[in-house]
């Protein structure tokens, strides 16, 4: 996949075999890697990566804009999912949760 045509995707906290991914705070930790200190001197998640739920499971949403602005970060997120054999759902809209 090229980052020029990168889709939005969600990393679901289930392995391809259907087992729950651990530790239980994996989504917050992964999003923390992509966070930064804001003007109010508090950590703030990236506007392009955020924890969410998907069909009742912990998940991480990755916005396609990340692929255009920071291709290496986008690939890092995909590689995390692949390395841990996690389910990835492409072409989804940002969840409202």
N, C-alpha and C. Protein backbone atom coordinates (compact mmCIF):
# COMPACT_ATOMS: atom_id res chain seq x y z
N UNK A 1 0.84 -1.18 0.00
CA UNK A 1 0.00 0.00 0.00
C UNK A 1 0.89 1.24 0.00
N UNK A 2 0.60 2.18 -0.87
CA UNK A 2 1.33 3.43 -0.87
C UNK A 2 0.61 4.41 0.04
N UNK A 3 1.36 5.33 0.62
CA UNK A 3 0.75 6.29 1.52
C UNK A 3 -0.01 7.37 0.75
N UNK A 4 0.18 7.49 -0.58
CA UNK A 4 -0.58 8.46 -1.37
C UNK A 4 -2.07 8.11 -1.36
N UNK A 5 -2.37 6.83 -1.38
CA UNK A 5 -3.77 6.37 -1.40
C UNK A 5 -4.12 5.70 -0.07
N UNK A 6 -3.47 6.12 1.00
CA UNK A 6 -3.67 5.50 2.29
C UNK A 6 -5.09 5.69 2.79
N UNK A 7 -5.75 4.61 3.20
CA UNK A 7 -7.11 4.74 3.74
C UNK A 7 -7.09 4.96 5.26
N UNK A 8 -8.20 5.47 5.79
CA UNK A 8 -8.41 5.41 7.23
C UNK A 8 -8.44 3.93 7.60
N UNK A 9 -8.01 3.62 8.82
CA UNK A 9 -8.16 2.24 9.29
C UNK A 9 -8.27 2.19 10.79
N UNK A 10 -8.78 1.09 11.27
CA UNK A 10 -8.89 0.83 12.70
C UNK A 10 -8.12 -0.45 13.01
N UNK A 11 -7.29 -0.38 14.04
CA UNK A 11 -6.62 -1.57 14.57
C UNK A 11 -7.50 -2.07 15.70
N UNK A 12 -7.99 -3.28 15.57
CA UNK A 12 -8.90 -3.87 16.56
C UNK A 12 -8.08 -4.70 17.54
N UNK A 13 -8.45 -4.65 18.81
CA UNK A 13 -7.72 -5.37 19.86
C UNK A 13 -7.99 -6.86 19.90
N UNK A 14 -8.12 -7.47 18.73
CA UNK A 14 -8.26 -8.92 18.61
C UNK A 14 -7.24 -9.43 17.61
N UNK A 15 -6.64 -10.56 17.92
CA UNK A 15 -5.72 -11.16 16.95
C UNK A 15 -6.52 -11.72 15.79
N UNK A 16 -5.84 -12.05 14.73
CA UNK A 16 -6.52 -12.64 13.57
C UNK A 16 -7.24 -13.93 13.94
N UNK A 17 -6.75 -14.59 15.00
CA UNK A 17 -7.39 -15.83 15.48
C UNK A 17 -8.54 -15.54 16.45
N UNK A 18 -8.78 -14.25 16.77
CA UNK A 18 -9.90 -13.89 17.62
C UNK A 18 -9.59 -13.76 19.10
N UNK A 19 -8.31 -13.87 19.49
CA UNK A 19 -7.94 -13.71 20.90
C UNK A 19 -7.80 -12.23 21.25
N UNK A 20 -8.19 -11.88 22.48
CA UNK A 20 -8.09 -10.50 22.96
C UNK A 20 -6.61 -10.14 23.13
N UNK A 21 -6.23 -8.96 22.64
CA UNK A 21 -4.85 -8.49 22.73
C UNK A 21 -4.60 -7.90 24.11
N UNK A 22 -3.45 -8.16 24.66
CA UNK A 22 -3.04 -7.68 25.97
C UNK A 22 -1.78 -6.86 25.86
N UNK A 23 -1.51 -5.92 26.75
CA UNK A 23 -2.23 -5.61 27.97
C UNK A 23 -3.53 -4.86 27.68
N UNK A 24 -4.36 -4.72 28.68
CA UNK A 24 -5.68 -4.13 28.48
C UNK A 24 -5.61 -2.66 28.06
N UNK A 25 -4.52 -1.98 28.36
CA UNK A 25 -4.39 -0.57 27.98
C UNK A 25 -3.54 -0.37 26.72
N UNK A 26 -3.46 -1.40 25.87
CA UNK A 26 -2.62 -1.34 24.68
C UNK A 26 -2.98 -0.15 23.78
N UNK A 27 -4.27 0.15 23.63
CA UNK A 27 -4.70 1.22 22.72
C UNK A 27 -4.20 2.58 23.22
N UNK A 28 -4.33 2.83 24.51
CA UNK A 28 -3.87 4.10 25.07
C UNK A 28 -2.35 4.21 24.97
N UNK A 29 -1.65 3.11 25.19
CA UNK A 29 -0.18 3.13 25.07
C UNK A 29 0.24 3.42 23.64
N UNK A 30 -0.41 2.76 22.69
CA UNK A 30 -0.06 2.97 21.28
C UNK A 30 -0.34 4.42 20.87
N UNK A 31 -1.46 4.95 21.29
CA UNK A 31 -1.79 6.34 20.97
C UNK A 31 -0.84 7.31 21.68
N UNK A 32 -0.36 6.91 22.84
CA UNK A 32 0.61 7.74 23.57
C UNK A 32 1.90 7.94 22.80
N UNK A 33 2.28 6.95 22.01
CA UNK A 33 3.48 7.07 21.18
C UNK A 33 3.32 8.21 20.18
N UNK A 34 2.09 8.47 19.76
CA UNK A 34 1.81 9.48 18.75
C UNK A 34 1.34 10.80 19.37
N UNK A 35 1.42 10.95 20.69
CA UNK A 35 0.93 12.15 21.34
C UNK A 35 2.06 13.16 21.53
N UNK A 36 1.68 14.38 21.90
CA UNK A 36 2.65 15.45 22.13
C UNK A 36 2.11 16.37 23.23
N UNK A 37 2.99 17.20 23.77
CA UNK A 37 2.56 18.19 24.74
C UNK A 37 1.91 19.35 24.01
N UNK A 38 0.74 19.76 24.47
CA UNK A 38 0.03 20.89 23.89
C UNK A 38 0.42 22.18 24.58
N UNK A 39 -0.18 23.27 24.14
CA UNK A 39 0.11 24.59 24.70
C UNK A 39 -0.22 24.66 26.18
N UNK A 40 -1.21 23.89 26.63
CA UNK A 40 -1.59 23.89 28.04
C UNK A 40 -0.71 22.98 28.89
N UNK A 41 0.39 22.51 28.29
CA UNK A 41 1.39 21.67 28.97
C UNK A 41 0.82 20.35 29.47
N UNK A 42 -0.10 19.79 28.67
CA UNK A 42 -0.66 18.47 28.95
C UNK A 42 -0.47 17.61 27.71
N UNK A 43 -0.29 16.32 27.94
CA UNK A 43 -0.19 15.41 26.80
C UNK A 43 -1.51 15.39 26.05
N UNK A 44 -1.40 15.38 24.73
CA UNK A 44 -2.60 15.42 23.90
C UNK A 44 -2.41 14.41 22.77
N UNK A 45 -3.44 13.58 22.54
CA UNK A 45 -3.36 12.62 21.44
C UNK A 45 -3.26 13.35 20.11
N UNK A 46 -2.63 12.73 19.17
CA UNK A 46 -2.57 13.25 17.81
C UNK A 46 -3.98 13.37 17.26
N UNK A 47 -4.24 14.38 16.42
CA UNK A 47 -5.57 14.47 15.80
C UNK A 47 -5.80 13.36 14.77
N UNK A 48 -4.75 12.60 14.44
CA UNK A 48 -4.83 11.57 13.41
C UNK A 48 -4.86 10.15 13.96
N UNK A 49 -4.66 10.00 15.27
CA UNK A 49 -4.62 8.67 15.90
C UNK A 49 -5.32 8.77 17.25
N UNK A 50 -6.26 7.87 17.51
CA UNK A 50 -6.94 7.94 18.79
C UNK A 50 -7.56 6.61 19.20
N UNK A 51 -7.64 6.39 20.51
CA UNK A 51 -8.29 5.17 21.00
C UNK A 51 -9.80 5.26 20.76
N UNK A 52 -10.42 4.11 20.54
CA UNK A 52 -11.86 4.05 20.31
C UNK A 52 -12.31 2.63 20.61
N UNK A 53 -13.57 2.37 20.37
CA UNK A 53 -14.06 1.00 20.41
C UNK A 53 -14.62 0.68 19.04
N UNK A 54 -14.51 -0.58 18.67
CA UNK A 54 -15.04 -1.05 17.39
C UNK A 54 -15.74 -2.36 17.65
N UNK A 55 -17.04 -2.38 17.46
CA UNK A 55 -17.87 -3.55 17.71
C UNK A 55 -17.61 -4.12 19.10
N UNK A 56 -17.52 -3.22 20.08
CA UNK A 56 -17.35 -3.61 21.48
C UNK A 56 -15.93 -3.92 21.91
N UNK A 57 -14.97 -3.81 21.01
CA UNK A 57 -13.57 -4.12 21.34
C UNK A 57 -12.73 -2.84 21.36
N UNK A 58 -11.71 -2.83 22.23
CA UNK A 58 -10.77 -1.71 22.21
C UNK A 58 -10.12 -1.64 20.84
N UNK A 59 -9.87 -0.43 20.40
CA UNK A 59 -9.32 -0.25 19.07
C UNK A 59 -8.59 1.09 18.99
N UNK A 60 -7.88 1.29 17.88
CA UNK A 60 -7.20 2.54 17.59
C UNK A 60 -7.57 2.96 16.17
N UNK A 61 -8.07 4.19 16.05
CA UNK A 61 -8.39 4.74 14.74
C UNK A 61 -7.18 5.48 14.20
N UNK A 62 -6.86 5.26 12.92
CA UNK A 62 -5.76 5.97 12.25
C UNK A 62 -6.34 6.68 11.03
N UNK A 63 -6.21 8.00 11.02
CA UNK A 63 -6.74 8.82 9.94
C UNK A 63 -5.80 8.76 8.73
N UNK A 64 -6.38 8.72 7.54
CA UNK A 64 -5.61 8.67 6.30
C UNK A 64 -4.68 9.86 6.16
N UNK A 65 -5.02 10.99 6.76
CA UNK A 65 -4.16 12.17 6.67
C UNK A 65 -2.77 11.91 7.25
N UNK A 66 -2.68 11.02 8.21
CA UNK A 66 -1.38 10.67 8.78
C UNK A 66 -0.48 10.11 7.69
N UNK A 67 -1.04 9.31 6.80
CA UNK A 67 -0.26 8.72 5.70
C UNK A 67 0.30 9.77 4.75
N UNK A 68 -0.41 10.85 4.58
CA UNK A 68 0.06 11.92 3.69
C UNK A 68 1.05 12.85 4.39
N UNK A 69 0.81 13.12 5.69
CA UNK A 69 1.65 14.06 6.42
C UNK A 69 2.89 13.42 7.04
N UNK A 70 2.74 12.22 7.56
CA UNK A 70 3.83 11.50 8.23
C UNK A 70 3.81 10.04 7.81
N UNK A 71 4.27 9.74 6.59
CA UNK A 71 4.20 8.36 6.08
C UNK A 71 4.87 7.32 6.98
N UNK A 72 5.98 7.70 7.62
CA UNK A 72 6.66 6.72 8.48
C UNK A 72 5.82 6.39 9.71
N UNK A 73 5.11 7.36 10.26
CA UNK A 73 4.24 7.12 11.41
C UNK A 73 3.07 6.23 11.00
N UNK A 74 2.52 6.48 9.83
CA UNK A 74 1.42 5.66 9.31
C UNK A 74 1.89 4.21 9.14
N UNK A 75 3.06 4.03 8.57
CA UNK A 75 3.60 2.68 8.39
C UNK A 75 3.90 2.02 9.73
N UNK A 76 4.34 2.81 10.72
CA UNK A 76 4.58 2.28 12.05
C UNK A 76 3.31 1.67 12.63
N UNK A 77 2.18 2.39 12.46
CA UNK A 77 0.91 1.89 12.97
C UNK A 77 0.50 0.59 12.27
N UNK A 78 0.65 0.55 10.95
CA UNK A 78 0.34 -0.68 10.21
C UNK A 78 1.26 -1.82 10.63
N UNK A 79 2.55 -1.52 10.79
CA UNK A 79 3.50 -2.56 11.19
C UNK A 79 3.20 -3.08 12.58
N UNK A 80 2.76 -2.20 13.50
CA UNK A 80 2.38 -2.64 14.83
C UNK A 80 1.27 -3.68 14.74
N UNK A 81 0.26 -3.37 13.93
CA UNK A 81 -0.86 -4.30 13.77
C UNK A 81 -0.39 -5.62 13.15
N UNK A 82 0.41 -5.54 12.11
CA UNK A 82 0.89 -6.75 11.46
C UNK A 82 1.81 -7.57 12.36
N UNK A 83 2.74 -6.91 13.04
CA UNK A 83 3.68 -7.62 13.92
C UNK A 83 2.96 -8.35 15.04
N UNK A 84 1.84 -7.79 15.51
CA UNK A 84 1.08 -8.40 16.61
C UNK A 84 -0.12 -9.20 16.12
N UNK A 85 -0.20 -9.39 14.79
CA UNK A 85 -1.26 -10.16 14.15
C UNK A 85 -2.65 -9.69 14.57
N UNK A 86 -2.82 -8.35 14.61
CA UNK A 86 -4.10 -7.78 14.99
C UNK A 86 -4.97 -7.55 13.76
N UNK A 87 -6.27 -7.57 13.99
CA UNK A 87 -7.22 -7.32 12.92
C UNK A 87 -7.19 -5.84 12.54
N UNK A 88 -7.25 -5.56 11.23
CA UNK A 88 -7.27 -4.20 10.71
C UNK A 88 -8.49 -4.06 9.81
N UNK A 89 -9.24 -3.00 10.03
CA UNK A 89 -10.42 -2.72 9.21
C UNK A 89 -10.13 -1.42 8.46
N UNK A 90 -10.06 -1.49 7.13
CA UNK A 90 -9.73 -0.33 6.32
C UNK A 90 -10.97 0.38 5.80
N UNK A 91 -10.79 1.66 5.48
CA UNK A 91 -11.85 2.42 4.84
C UNK A 91 -13.00 2.80 5.74
N UNK A 92 -12.75 2.96 7.03
CA UNK A 92 -13.81 3.30 7.98
C UNK A 92 -13.76 4.79 8.33
N UNK A 93 -14.88 5.31 8.77
CA UNK A 93 -14.94 6.68 9.26
C UNK A 93 -14.53 6.71 10.72
N UNK A 94 -14.11 7.89 11.18
CA UNK A 94 -13.73 8.05 12.57
C UNK A 94 -14.92 7.75 13.47
N UNK A 95 -14.76 6.83 14.44
CA UNK A 95 -15.86 6.52 15.36
C UNK A 95 -16.16 7.74 16.25
N UNK A 96 -17.38 7.84 16.71
CA UNK A 96 -17.78 8.96 17.58
C UNK A 96 -17.88 8.51 19.02
N UNK A 97 -16.84 7.82 19.50
CA UNK A 97 -16.87 7.40 20.90
C UNK A 97 -15.59 7.72 21.58
